[in-house]
PDB file of all heavy atoms in Angstrom:
ATOM      1  N   LYS A   1     -21.945  13.800  -1.838  1.00  0.00           N
ATOM      2  CA  LYS A   1     -23.086  13.060  -2.365  1.00  0.00           C
ATOM      3  C   LYS A   1     -22.707  11.596  -2.311  1.00  0.00           C
ATOM      4  O   LYS A   1     -21.922  11.121  -3.132  1.00  0.00           O
ATOM      5  CB  LYS A   1     -23.384  13.486  -3.797  1.00  0.00           C
ATOM      6  CG  LYS A   1     -23.883  14.902  -3.902  1.00  0.00           C
ATOM      7  CD  LYS A   1     -24.185  15.247  -5.333  1.00  0.00           C
ATOM      8  CE  LYS A   1     -24.652  16.681  -5.435  1.00  0.00           C
ATOM      9  NZ  LYS A   1     -24.907  17.062  -6.807  1.00  0.00           N
ATOM     10  N   TRP A   2     -23.220  10.883  -1.344  1.00  0.00           N
ATOM     11  CA  TRP A   2     -22.815   9.496  -1.123  1.00  0.00           C
ATOM     12  C   TRP A   2     -23.254   8.567  -2.244  1.00  0.00           C
ATOM     13  O   TRP A   2     -22.688   7.518  -2.441  1.00  0.00           O
ATOM     14  CB  TRP A   2     -23.331   9.008   0.219  1.00  0.00           C
ATOM     15  CG  TRP A   2     -22.727   9.782   1.327  1.00  0.00           C
ATOM     16  CD1 TRP A   2     -23.353  10.692   2.128  1.00  0.00           C
ATOM     17  CD2 TRP A   2     -21.365   9.765   1.767  1.00  0.00           C
ATOM     18  NE1 TRP A   2     -22.474  11.237   3.026  1.00  0.00           N
ATOM     19  CE2 TRP A   2     -21.249  10.675   2.829  1.00  0.00           C
ATOM     20  CE3 TRP A   2     -20.228   9.072   1.360  1.00  0.00           C
ATOM     21  CZ2 TRP A   2     -20.037  10.903   3.482  1.00  0.00           C
ATOM     22  CZ3 TRP A   2     -19.036   9.302   2.019  1.00  0.00           C
ATOM     23  CH2 TRP A   2     -18.949  10.203   3.064  1.00  0.00           C
ATOM     24  N   ASN A   3     -24.241   8.974  -2.998  1.00  0.00           N
ATOM     25  CA  ASN A   3     -24.690   8.130  -4.108  1.00  0.00           C
ATOM     26  C   ASN A   3     -24.085   8.559  -5.441  1.00  0.00           C
ATOM     27  O   ASN A   3     -24.453   8.070  -6.484  1.00  0.00           O
ATOM     28  CB  ASN A   3     -26.221   8.105  -4.191  1.00  0.00           C
ATOM     29  CG  ASN A   3     -26.794   9.490  -4.418  1.00  0.00           C
ATOM     30  OD1 ASN A   3     -26.078  10.469  -4.398  1.00  0.00           O
ATOM     31  ND2 ASN A   3     -28.087   9.565  -4.613  1.00  0.00           N
ATOM     32  N   ASP A   4     -23.128   9.487  -5.414  1.00  0.00           N
ATOM     33  CA  ASP A   4     -22.460   9.953  -6.628  1.00  0.00           C
ATOM     34  C   ASP A   4     -21.478   8.889  -7.104  1.00  0.00           C
ATOM     35  O   ASP A   4     -20.550   8.538  -6.411  1.00  0.00           O
ATOM     36  CB  ASP A   4     -21.727  11.257  -6.343  1.00  0.00           C
ATOM     37  CG  ASP A   4     -21.009  11.797  -7.570  1.00  0.00           C
ATOM     38  OD1 ASP A   4     -21.379  11.390  -8.681  1.00  0.00           O
ATOM     39  OD2 ASP A   4     -20.096  12.607  -7.395  1.00  0.00           O
ATOM     40  N   LYS A   5     -21.703   8.350  -8.309  1.00  0.00           N
ATOM     41  CA  LYS A   5     -20.874   7.263  -8.831  1.00  0.00           C
ATOM     42  C   LYS A   5     -19.974   7.724  -9.968  1.00  0.00           C
ATOM     43  O   LYS A   5     -19.412   6.904 -10.680  1.00  0.00           O
ATOM     44  CB  LYS A   5     -21.756   6.108  -9.305  1.00  0.00           C
ATOM     45  CG  LYS A   5     -22.480   5.414  -8.184  1.00  0.00           C
ATOM     46  CD  LYS A   5     -23.150   4.179  -8.676  1.00  0.00           C
ATOM     47  CE  LYS A   5     -23.789   3.449  -7.511  1.00  0.00           C
ATOM     48  NZ  LYS A   5     -24.237   2.135  -7.873  1.00  0.00           N
ATOM     49  N   SER A   6     -19.807   9.032 -10.130  1.00  0.00           N
ATOM     50  CA  SER A   6     -19.005   9.510 -11.248  1.00  0.00           C
ATOM     51  C   SER A   6     -17.548   9.067 -11.137  1.00  0.00           C
ATOM     52  O   SER A   6     -16.929   8.733 -12.151  1.00  0.00           O
ATOM     53  CB  SER A   6     -19.087  11.029 -11.359  1.00  0.00           C
ATOM     54  OG  SER A   6     -18.620  11.638 -10.178  1.00  0.00           O
ATOM     55  N   TRP A   7     -16.990   9.034  -9.934  1.00  0.00           N
ATOM     56  CA  TRP A   7     -15.602   8.589  -9.786  1.00  0.00           C
ATOM     57  C   TRP A   7     -15.472   7.110 -10.119  1.00  0.00           C
ATOM     58  O   TRP A   7     -14.460   6.689 -10.676  1.00  0.00           O
ATOM     59  CB  TRP A   7     -15.054   8.890  -8.385  1.00  0.00           C
ATOM     60  CG  TRP A   7     -15.552   7.977  -7.303  1.00  0.00           C
ATOM     61  CD1 TRP A   7     -16.626   8.178  -6.499  1.00  0.00           C
ATOM     62  CD2 TRP A   7     -14.976   6.725  -6.906  1.00  0.00           C
ATOM     63  NE1 TRP A   7     -16.769   7.127  -5.632  1.00  0.00           N
ATOM     64  CE2 TRP A   7     -15.761   6.216  -5.857  1.00  0.00           C
ATOM     65  CE3 TRP A   7     -13.891   5.982  -7.339  1.00  0.00           C
ATOM     66  CZ2 TRP A   7     -15.501   4.998  -5.233  1.00  0.00           C
ATOM     67  CZ3 TRP A   7     -13.620   4.771  -6.714  1.00  0.00           C
ATOM     68  CH2 TRP A   7     -14.418   4.296  -5.672  1.00  0.00           C
ATOM     69  N   GLN A   8     -16.523   6.334  -9.823  1.00  0.00           N
ATOM     70  CA  GLN A   8     -16.459   4.902 -10.108  1.00  0.00           C
ATOM     71  C   GLN A   8     -16.435   4.645 -11.613  1.00  0.00           C
ATOM     72  O   GLN A   8     -15.681   3.808 -12.103  1.00  0.00           O
ATOM     73  CB  GLN A   8     -17.631   4.184  -9.442  1.00  0.00           C
ATOM     74  CG  GLN A   8     -17.486   4.182  -7.922  1.00  0.00           C
ATOM     75  CD  GLN A   8     -18.810   4.264  -7.213  1.00  0.00           C
ATOM     76  OE1 GLN A   8     -19.583   5.178  -7.470  1.00  0.00           O
ATOM     77  NE2 GLN A   8     -19.074   3.320  -6.322  1.00  0.00           N
ATOM     78  N   LYS A   9     -17.243   5.368 -12.357  1.00  0.00           N
ATOM     79  CA  LYS A   9     -17.252   5.225 -13.821  1.00  0.00           C
ATOM     80  C   LYS A   9     -15.908   5.661 -14.400  1.00  0.00           C
ATOM     81  O   LYS A   9     -15.356   4.999 -15.288  1.00  0.00           O
ATOM     82  CB  LYS A   9     -18.373   6.059 -14.427  1.00  0.00           C
ATOM     83  CG  LYS A   9     -19.758   5.530 -14.108  1.00  0.00           C
ATOM     84  CD  LYS A   9     -20.818   6.439 -14.653  1.00  0.00           C
ATOM     85  CE  LYS A   9     -22.198   5.996 -14.210  1.00  0.00           C
ATOM     86  NZ  LYS A   9     -23.240   6.936 -14.605  1.00  0.00           N
ATOM     87  N   ASP A  10     -15.374   6.745 -13.892  1.00  0.00           N
ATOM     88  CA  ASP A  10     -14.079   7.238 -14.339  1.00  0.00           C
ATOM     89  C   ASP A  10     -12.987   6.207 -14.032  1.00  0.00           C
ATOM     90  O   ASP A  10     -12.133   5.929 -14.867  1.00  0.00           O
ATOM     91  CB  ASP A  10     -13.772   8.566 -13.631  1.00  0.00           C
ATOM     92  CG  ASP A  10     -12.588   9.285 -14.217  1.00  0.00           C
ATOM     93  OD1 ASP A  10     -12.286   9.081 -15.411  1.00  0.00           O
ATOM     94  OD2 ASP A  10     -11.964  10.076 -13.480  1.00  0.00           O
ATOM     95  N   PHE A  11     -13.019   5.628 -12.850  1.00  0.00           N
ATOM     96  CA  PHE A  11     -12.014   4.657 -12.427  1.00  0.00           C
ATOM     97  C   PHE A  11     -12.090   3.371 -13.250  1.00  0.00           C
ATOM     98  O   PHE A  11     -11.063   2.771 -13.560  1.00  0.00           O
ATOM     99  CB  PHE A  11     -12.179   4.357 -10.933  1.00  0.00           C
ATOM    100  CG  PHE A  11     -11.060   3.564 -10.322  1.00  0.00           C
ATOM    101  CD1 PHE A  11      -9.736   3.845 -10.607  1.00  0.00           C
ATOM    102  CD2 PHE A  11     -11.322   2.540  -9.441  1.00  0.00           C
ATOM    103  CE1 PHE A  11      -8.703   3.125 -10.029  1.00  0.00           C
ATOM    104  CE2 PHE A  11     -10.304   1.816  -8.858  1.00  0.00           C
ATOM    105  CZ  PHE A  11      -8.989   2.106  -9.147  1.00  0.00           C
ATOM    106  N   LEU A  12     -13.281   2.958 -13.637  1.00  0.00           N
ATOM    107  CA  LEU A  12     -13.424   1.772 -14.487  1.00  0.00           C
ATOM    108  C   LEU A  12     -12.701   1.952 -15.815  1.00  0.00           C
ATOM    109  O   LEU A  12     -12.178   0.990 -16.370  1.00  0.00           O
ATOM    110  CB  LEU A  12     -14.897   1.468 -14.747  1.00  0.00           C
ATOM    111  CG  LEU A  12     -15.635   0.743 -13.625  1.00  0.00           C
ATOM    112  CD1 LEU A  12     -17.133   0.767 -13.894  1.00  0.00           C
ATOM    113  CD2 LEU A  12     -15.130  -0.679 -13.478  1.00  0.00           C
ATOM    114  N   ASN A  13     -12.655   3.172 -16.313  1.00  0.00           N
ATOM    115  CA  ASN A  13     -12.007   3.448 -17.594  1.00  0.00           C
ATOM    116  C   ASN A  13     -10.511   3.713 -17.475  1.00  0.00           C
ATOM    117  O   ASN A  13      -9.816   3.755 -18.476  1.00  0.00           O
ATOM    118  CB  ASN A  13     -12.683   4.646 -18.273  1.00  0.00           C
ATOM    119  CG  ASN A  13     -14.107   4.351 -18.652  1.00  0.00           C
ATOM    120  OD1 ASN A  13     -14.426   3.246 -19.052  1.00  0.00           O
ATOM    121  ND2 ASN A  13     -14.964   5.332 -18.513  1.00  0.00           N
ATOM    122  N   MET A  14     -10.014   3.905 -16.254  1.00  0.00           N
ATOM    123  CA  MET A  14      -8.606   4.236 -16.056  1.00  0.00           C
ATOM    124  C   MET A  14      -7.678   3.029 -16.151  1.00  0.00           C
ATOM    125  O   MET A  14      -6.523   3.167 -16.555  1.00  0.00           O
ATOM    126  CB  MET A  14      -8.400   4.901 -14.697  1.00  0.00           C
ATOM    127  CG  MET A  14      -8.965   6.288 -14.593  1.00  0.00           C
ATOM    128  SD  MET A  14      -8.793   6.938 -12.941  1.00  0.00           S
ATOM    129  CE  MET A  14      -7.371   7.976 -13.168  1.00  0.00           C
ATOM    130  N   LYS A  15      -8.158   1.860 -15.762  1.00  0.00           N
ATOM    131  CA  LYS A  15      -7.312   0.672 -15.744  1.00  0.00           C
ATOM    132  C   LYS A  15      -8.185  -0.573 -15.761  1.00  0.00           C
ATOM    133  O   LYS A  15      -9.398  -0.475 -15.627  1.00  0.00           O
ATOM    134  CB  LYS A  15      -6.395   0.660 -14.521  1.00  0.00           C
ATOM    135  CG  LYS A  15      -7.136   0.640 -13.185  1.00  0.00           C
ATOM    136  CD  LYS A  15      -6.194   0.453 -12.022  1.00  0.00           C
ATOM    137  CE  LYS A  15      -6.442  -0.901 -11.459  1.00  0.00           C
ATOM    138  NZ  LYS A  15      -5.584  -1.437 -10.517  1.00  0.00           N
ATOM    139  N   SER A  16      -7.558  -1.733 -15.905  1.00  0.00           N
ATOM    140  CA  SER A  16      -8.346  -2.973 -15.870  1.00  0.00           C
ATOM    141  C   SER A  16      -8.565  -3.381 -14.414  1.00  0.00           C
ATOM    142  O   SER A  16      -7.740  -3.094 -13.546  1.00  0.00           O
ATOM    143  CB  SER A  16      -7.630  -4.081 -16.628  1.00  0.00           C
ATOM    144  OG  SER A  16      -6.393  -4.370 -16.036  1.00  0.00           O
ATOM    145  N   HIS A  17      -9.686  -4.024 -14.157  1.00  0.00           N
ATOM    146  CA  HIS A  17     -10.076  -4.420 -12.804  1.00  0.00           C
ATOM    147  C   HIS A  17     -10.455  -5.894 -12.783  1.00  0.00           C
ATOM    148  O   HIS A  17     -10.859  -6.450 -13.809  1.00  0.00           O
ATOM    149  CB  HIS A  17     -11.284  -3.604 -12.322  1.00  0.00           C
ATOM    150  CG  HIS A  17     -11.014  -2.143 -12.221  1.00  0.00           C
ATOM    151  ND1 HIS A  17     -10.390  -1.581 -11.139  1.00  0.00           N
ATOM    152  CD2 HIS A  17     -11.257  -1.124 -13.085  1.00  0.00           C
ATOM    153  CE1 HIS A  17     -10.287  -0.277 -11.322  1.00  0.00           C
ATOM    154  NE2 HIS A  17     -10.806   0.018 -12.500  1.00  0.00           N
ATOM    155  N   SER A  18     -10.386  -6.470 -11.603  1.00  0.00           N
ATOM    156  CA  SER A  18     -10.886  -7.835 -11.449  1.00  0.00           C
ATOM    157  C   SER A  18     -12.402  -7.810 -11.610  1.00  0.00           C
ATOM    158  O   SER A  18     -13.037  -6.757 -11.475  1.00  0.00           O
ATOM    159  CB  SER A  18     -10.515  -8.386 -10.072  1.00  0.00           C
ATOM    160  OG  SER A  18     -11.250  -7.721  -9.058  1.00  0.00           O
ATOM    161  N   LEU A  19     -12.977  -8.961 -11.883  1.00  0.00           N
ATOM    162  CA  LEU A  19     -14.422  -9.048 -12.050  1.00  0.00           C
ATOM    163  C   LEU A  19     -15.149  -8.595 -10.782  1.00  0.00           C
ATOM    164  O   LEU A  19     -16.135  -7.862 -10.858  1.00  0.00           O
ATOM    165  CB  LEU A  19     -14.822 -10.477 -12.419  1.00  0.00           C
ATOM    166  CG  LEU A  19     -16.296 -10.720 -12.687  1.00  0.00           C
ATOM    167  CD1 LEU A  19     -16.792  -9.837 -13.828  1.00  0.00           C
ATOM    168  CD2 LEU A  19     -16.546 -12.180 -13.016  1.00  0.00           C
ATOM    169  N   ALA A  20     -14.645  -9.000  -9.627  1.00  0.00           N
ATOM    170  CA  ALA A  20     -15.280  -8.630  -8.353  1.00  0.00           C
ATOM    171  C   ALA A  20     -15.229  -7.120  -8.137  1.00  0.00           C
ATOM    172  O   ALA A  20     -16.220  -6.512  -7.699  1.00  0.00           O
ATOM    173  CB  ALA A  20     -14.598  -9.358  -7.199  1.00  0.00           C
ATOM    174  N   ASP A  21     -14.095  -6.499  -8.441  1.00  0.00           N
ATOM    175  CA  ASP A  21     -13.981  -5.052  -8.266  1.00  0.00           C
ATOM    176  C   ASP A  21     -14.873  -4.308  -9.257  1.00  0.00           C
ATOM    177  O   ASP A  21     -15.499  -3.313  -8.903  1.00  0.00           O
ATOM    178  CB  ASP A  21     -12.530  -4.608  -8.426  1.00  0.00           C
ATOM    179  CG  ASP A  21     -11.666  -4.958  -7.225  1.00  0.00           C
ATOM    180  OD1 ASP A  21     -12.224  -5.369  -6.179  1.00  0.00           O
ATOM    181  OD2 ASP A  21     -10.432  -4.831  -7.336  1.00  0.00           O
ATOM    182  N   ALA A  22     -14.944  -4.801 -10.489  1.00  0.00           N
ATOM    183  CA  ALA A  22     -15.809  -4.158 -11.489  1.00  0.00           C
ATOM    184  C   ALA A  22     -17.279  -4.233 -11.061  1.00  0.00           C
ATOM    185  O   ALA A  22     -18.010  -3.253 -11.175  1.00  0.00           O
ATOM    186  CB  ALA A  22     -15.614  -4.809 -12.849  1.00  0.00           C
ATOM    187  N   LYS A  23     -17.693  -5.388 -10.545  1.00  0.00           N
ATOM    188  CA  LYS A  23     -19.074  -5.530 -10.057  1.00  0.00           C
ATOM    189  C   LYS A  23     -19.350  -4.573  -8.911  1.00  0.00           C
ATOM    190  O   LYS A  23     -20.410  -3.961  -8.827  1.00  0.00           O
ATOM    191  CB  LYS A  23     -19.328  -6.960  -9.591  1.00  0.00           C
ATOM    192  CG  LYS A  23     -19.611  -7.936 -10.682  1.00  0.00           C
ATOM    193  CD  LYS A  23     -19.952  -9.290 -10.090  1.00  0.00           C
ATOM    194  CE  LYS A  23     -20.270 -10.317 -11.138  1.00  0.00           C
ATOM    195  NZ  LYS A  23     -20.576 -11.623 -10.543  1.00  0.00           N
ATOM    196  N   LEU A  24     -18.376  -4.441  -8.013  1.00  0.00           N
ATOM    197  CA  LEU A  24     -18.533  -3.545  -6.872  1.00  0.00           C
ATOM    198  C   LEU A  24     -18.632  -2.093  -7.331  1.00  0.00           C
ATOM    199  O   LEU A  24     -19.477  -1.342  -6.845  1.00  0.00           O
ATOM    200  CB  LEU A  24     -17.353  -3.720  -5.904  1.00  0.00           C
ATOM    201  CG  LEU A  24     -17.347  -2.845  -4.667  1.00  0.00           C
ATOM    202  CD1 LEU A  24     -18.575  -3.089  -3.809  1.00  0.00           C
ATOM    203  CD2 LEU A  24     -16.087  -3.108  -3.858  1.00  0.00           C
ATOM    204  N   LEU A  25     -17.797  -1.708  -8.266  1.00  0.00           N
ATOM    205  CA  LEU A  25     -17.820  -0.341  -8.775  1.00  0.00           C
ATOM    206  C   LEU A  25     -19.119  -0.030  -9.512  1.00  0.00           C
ATOM    207  O   LEU A  25     -19.618   1.091  -9.438  1.00  0.00           O
ATOM    208  CB  LEU A  25     -16.614  -0.095  -9.692  1.00  0.00           C
ATOM    209  CG  LEU A  25     -15.270  -0.010  -8.981  1.00  0.00           C
ATOM    210  CD1 LEU A  25     -14.132  -0.134  -9.986  1.00  0.00           C
ATOM    211  CD2 LEU A  25     -15.153   1.271  -8.197  1.00  0.00           C
ATOM    212  N   MET A  26     -19.668  -1.016 -10.206  1.00  0.00           N
ATOM    213  CA  MET A  26     -20.907  -0.780 -10.962  1.00  0.00           C
ATOM    214  C   MET A  26     -22.154  -0.979 -10.101  1.00  0.00           C
ATOM    215  O   MET A  26     -23.125  -0.251 -10.249  1.00  0.00           O
ATOM    216  CB  MET A  26     -20.980  -1.718 -12.163  1.00  0.00           C
ATOM    217  CG  MET A  26     -19.986  -1.385 -13.238  1.00  0.00           C
ATOM    218  SD  MET A  26     -20.151  -2.401 -14.726  1.00  0.00           S
ATOM    219  CE  MET A  26     -19.682  -4.004 -14.123  1.00  0.00           C
ATOM    220  N   GLY A  27     -22.122  -1.961  -9.208  1.00  0.00           N
ATOM    221  CA  GLY A  27     -23.323  -2.321  -8.463  1.00  0.00           C
ATOM    222  C   GLY A  27     -23.470  -1.701  -7.099  1.00  0.00           C
ATOM    223  O   GLY A  27     -24.573  -1.586  -6.583  1.00  0.00           O
ATOM    224  N   GLY A  28     -22.373  -1.299  -6.500  1.00  0.00           N
ATOM    225  CA  GLY A  28     -22.441  -0.676  -5.186  1.00  0.00           C
ATOM    226  C   GLY A  28     -22.204  -1.653  -4.047  1.00  0.00           C
ATOM    227  O   GLY A  28     -21.989  -2.840  -4.242  1.00  0.00           O
ATOM    228  N   VAL A  29     -22.274  -1.113  -2.865  1.00  0.00           N
ATOM    229  CA  VAL A  29     -21.936  -1.827  -1.630  1.00  0.00           C
ATOM    230  C   VAL A  29     -23.104  -2.686  -1.159  1.00  0.00           C
ATOM    231  O   VAL A  29     -24.248  -2.235  -1.147  1.00  0.00           O
ATOM    232  CB  VAL A  29     -21.552  -0.804  -0.546  1.00  0.00           C
ATOM    233  CG1 VAL A  29     -21.346  -1.462   0.782  1.00  0.00           C
ATOM    234  CG2 VAL A  29     -20.316  -0.039  -0.966  1.00  0.00           C
ATOM    235  N   LYS A  30     -22.790  -3.905  -0.757  1.00  0.00           N
ATOM    236  CA  LYS A  30     -23.813  -4.810  -0.217  1.00  0.00           C
ATOM    237  C   LYS A  30     -23.579  -5.125   1.268  1.00  0.00           C
ATOM    238  O   LYS A  30     -24.445  -5.666   1.922  1.00  0.00           O
ATOM    239  CB  LYS A  30     -23.807  -6.141  -0.980  1.00  0.00           C
ATOM    240  CG  LYS A  30     -23.998  -6.007  -2.467  1.00  0.00           C
ATOM    241  CD  LYS A  30     -25.456  -5.920  -2.835  1.00  0.00           C
ATOM    242  CE  LYS A  30     -25.694  -6.039  -4.303  1.00  0.00           C
ATOM    243  NZ  LYS A  30     -25.443  -4.860  -5.091  1.00  0.00           N
ATOM    244  N   GLY A  31     -22.392  -4.813   1.779  1.00  0.00           N
ATOM    245  CA  GLY A  31     -22.087  -5.098   3.175  1.00  0.00           C
ATOM    246  C   GLY A  31     -20.806  -4.403   3.608  1.00  0.00           C
ATOM    247  O   GLY A  31     -20.219  -3.613   2.876  1.00  0.00           O
ATOM    248  N   LEU A  32     -20.366  -4.719   4.816  1.00  0.00           N
ATOM    249  CA  LEU A  32     -19.196  -4.078   5.391  1.00  0.00           C
ATOM    250  C   LEU A  32     -17.935  -4.377   4.581  1.00  0.00           C
ATOM    251  O   LEU A  32     -17.118  -3.486   4.338  1.00  0.00           O
ATOM    252  CB  LEU A  32     -19.014  -4.543   6.846  1.00  0.00           C
ATOM    253  CG  LEU A  32     -17.860  -3.916   7.612  1.00  0.00           C
ATOM    254  CD1 LEU A  32     -18.052  -2.414   7.715  1.00  0.00           C
ATOM    255  CD2 LEU A  32     -17.756  -4.525   8.999  1.00  0.00           C
ATOM    256  N   LYS A  33     -17.767  -5.599   4.150  1.00  0.00           N
ATOM    257  CA  LYS A  33     -16.596  -5.979   3.360  1.00  0.00           C
ATOM    258  C   LYS A  33     -16.547  -5.177   2.064  1.00  0.00           C
ATOM    259  O   LYS A  33     -15.478  -4.685   1.661  1.00  0.00           O
ATOM    260  CB  LYS A  33     -16.632  -7.477   3.057  1.00  0.00           C
ATOM    261  CG  LYS A  33     -15.434  -7.966   2.289  1.00  0.00           C
ATOM    262  CD  LYS A  33     -15.550  -9.470   2.035  1.00  0.00           C
ATOM    263  CE  LYS A  33     -14.463  -9.951   1.106  1.00  0.00           C
ATOM    264  NZ  LYS A  33     -14.640 -11.346   0.722  1.00  0.00           N
ATOM    265  N   ASP A  34     -17.682  -5.022   1.412  1.00  0.00           N
ATOM    266  CA  ASP A  34     -17.750  -4.238   0.179  1.00  0.00           C
ATOM    267  C   ASP A  34     -17.415  -2.767   0.439  1.00  0.00           C
ATOM    268  O   ASP A  34     -16.732  -2.132  -0.367  1.00  0.00           O
ATOM    269  CB  ASP A  34     -19.144  -4.320  -0.453  1.00  0.00           C
ATOM    270  CG  ASP A  34     -19.439  -5.668  -1.070  1.00  0.00           C
ATOM    271  OD1 ASP A  34     -18.512  -6.472  -1.236  1.00  0.00           O
ATOM    272  OD2 ASP A  34     -20.623  -5.904  -1.382  1.00  0.00           O
ATOM    273  N   ALA A  35     -17.906  -2.240   1.541  1.00  0.00           N
ATOM    274  CA  ALA A  35     -17.629  -0.844   1.886  1.00  0.00           C
ATOM    275  C   ALA A  35     -16.136  -0.627   2.096  1.00  0.00           C
ATOM    276  O   ALA A  35     -15.573   0.372   1.630  1.00  0.00           O
ATOM    277  CB  ALA A  35     -18.412  -0.442   3.132  1.00  0.00           C
ATOM    278  N   TRP A  36     -15.496  -1.568   2.765  1.00  0.00           N
ATOM    279  CA  TRP A  36     -14.060  -1.472   2.992  1.00  0.00           C
ATOM    280  C   TRP A  36     -13.314  -1.516   1.658  1.00  0.00           C
ATOM    281  O   TRP A  36     -12.436  -0.694   1.400  1.00  0.00           O
ATOM    282  CB  TRP A  36     -13.600  -2.616   3.897  1.00  0.00           C
ATOM    283  CG  TRP A  36     -12.127  -2.635   4.090  1.00  0.00           C
ATOM    284  CD1 TRP A  36     -11.410  -1.890   4.977  1.00  0.00           C
ATOM    285  CD2 TRP A  36     -11.175  -3.423   3.367  1.00  0.00           C
ATOM    286  NE1 TRP A  36     -10.077  -2.167   4.842  1.00  0.00           N
ATOM    287  CE2 TRP A  36      -9.903  -3.102   3.864  1.00  0.00           C
ATOM    288  CE3 TRP A  36     -11.286  -4.367   2.345  1.00  0.00           C
ATOM    289  CZ2 TRP A  36      -8.754  -3.695   3.361  1.00  0.00           C
ATOM    290  CZ3 TRP A  36     -10.138  -4.947   1.854  1.00  0.00           C
ATOM    291  CH2 TRP A  36      -8.888  -4.617   2.364  1.00  0.00           C
ATOM    292  N   ARG A  37     -13.673  -2.450   0.796  1.00  0.00           N
ATOM    293  CA  ARG A  37     -12.999  -2.597  -0.495  1.00  0.00           C
ATOM    294  C   ARG A  37     -13.226  -1.370  -1.371  1.00  0.00           C
ATOM    295  O   ARG A  37     -12.305  -0.913  -2.057  1.00  0.00           O
ATOM    296  CB  ARG A  37     -13.487  -3.867  -1.211  1.00  0.00           C
ATOM    297  CG  ARG A  37     -12.817  -4.128  -2.511  1.00  0.00           C
ATOM    298  CD  ARG A  37     -11.348  -4.424  -2.346  1.00  0.00           C
ATOM    299  NE  ARG A  37     -10.694  -4.506  -3.655  1.00  0.00           N
ATOM    300  CZ  ARG A  37      -9.432  -4.212  -3.875  1.00  0.00           C
ATOM    301  NH1 ARG A  37      -8.648  -3.871  -2.895  1.00  0.00           N
ATOM    302  NH2 ARG A  37      -8.938  -4.281  -5.081  1.00  0.00           N
ATOM    303  N   LEU A  38     -14.425  -0.823  -1.352  1.00  0.00           N
ATOM    304  CA  LEU A  38     -14.717   0.372  -2.140  1.00  0.00           C
ATOM    305  C   LEU A  38     -13.868   1.553  -1.652  1.00  0.00           C
ATOM    306  O   LEU A  38     -13.380   2.353  -2.454  1.00  0.00           O
ATOM    307  CB  LEU A  38     -16.206   0.719  -2.080  1.00  0.00           C
ATOM    308  CG  LEU A  38     -16.688   1.773  -3.065  1.00  0.00           C
ATOM    309  CD1 LEU A  38     -16.486   1.309  -4.507  1.00  0.00           C
ATOM    310  CD2 LEU A  38     -18.144   2.098  -2.823  1.00  0.00           C
ATOM    311  N   GLY A  39     -13.659   1.633  -0.346  1.00  0.00           N
ATOM    312  CA  GLY A  39     -12.783   2.671   0.201  1.00  0.00           C
ATOM    313  C   GLY A  39     -11.358   2.519  -0.302  1.00  0.00           C
ATOM    314  O   GLY A  39     -10.693   3.509  -0.650  1.00  0.00           O
ATOM    315  N   VAL A  40     -10.870   1.289  -0.342  1.00  0.00           N
ATOM    316  CA  VAL A  40      -9.524   1.011  -0.855  1.00  0.00           C
ATOM    317  C   VAL A  40      -9.431   1.403  -2.325  1.00  0.00           C
ATOM    318  O   VAL A  40      -8.449   2.026  -2.759  1.00  0.00           O
ATOM    319  CB  VAL A  40      -9.164  -0.490  -0.656  1.00  0.00           C
ATOM    320  CG1 VAL A  40      -7.890  -0.843  -1.390  1.00  0.00           C
ATOM    321  CG2 VAL A  40      -9.036  -0.816   0.822  1.00  0.00           C
TER     322      VAL A  40
END
């Protein structure tokens, strides 16, 4: 399920994140760079 964000919510609670990573995890991908970072 490509729109399943349950792992992202879980990951937000596992450790602290940079503001950019937190926005990406909550808001989703906007381009190729975001897709690459989300994969990482």
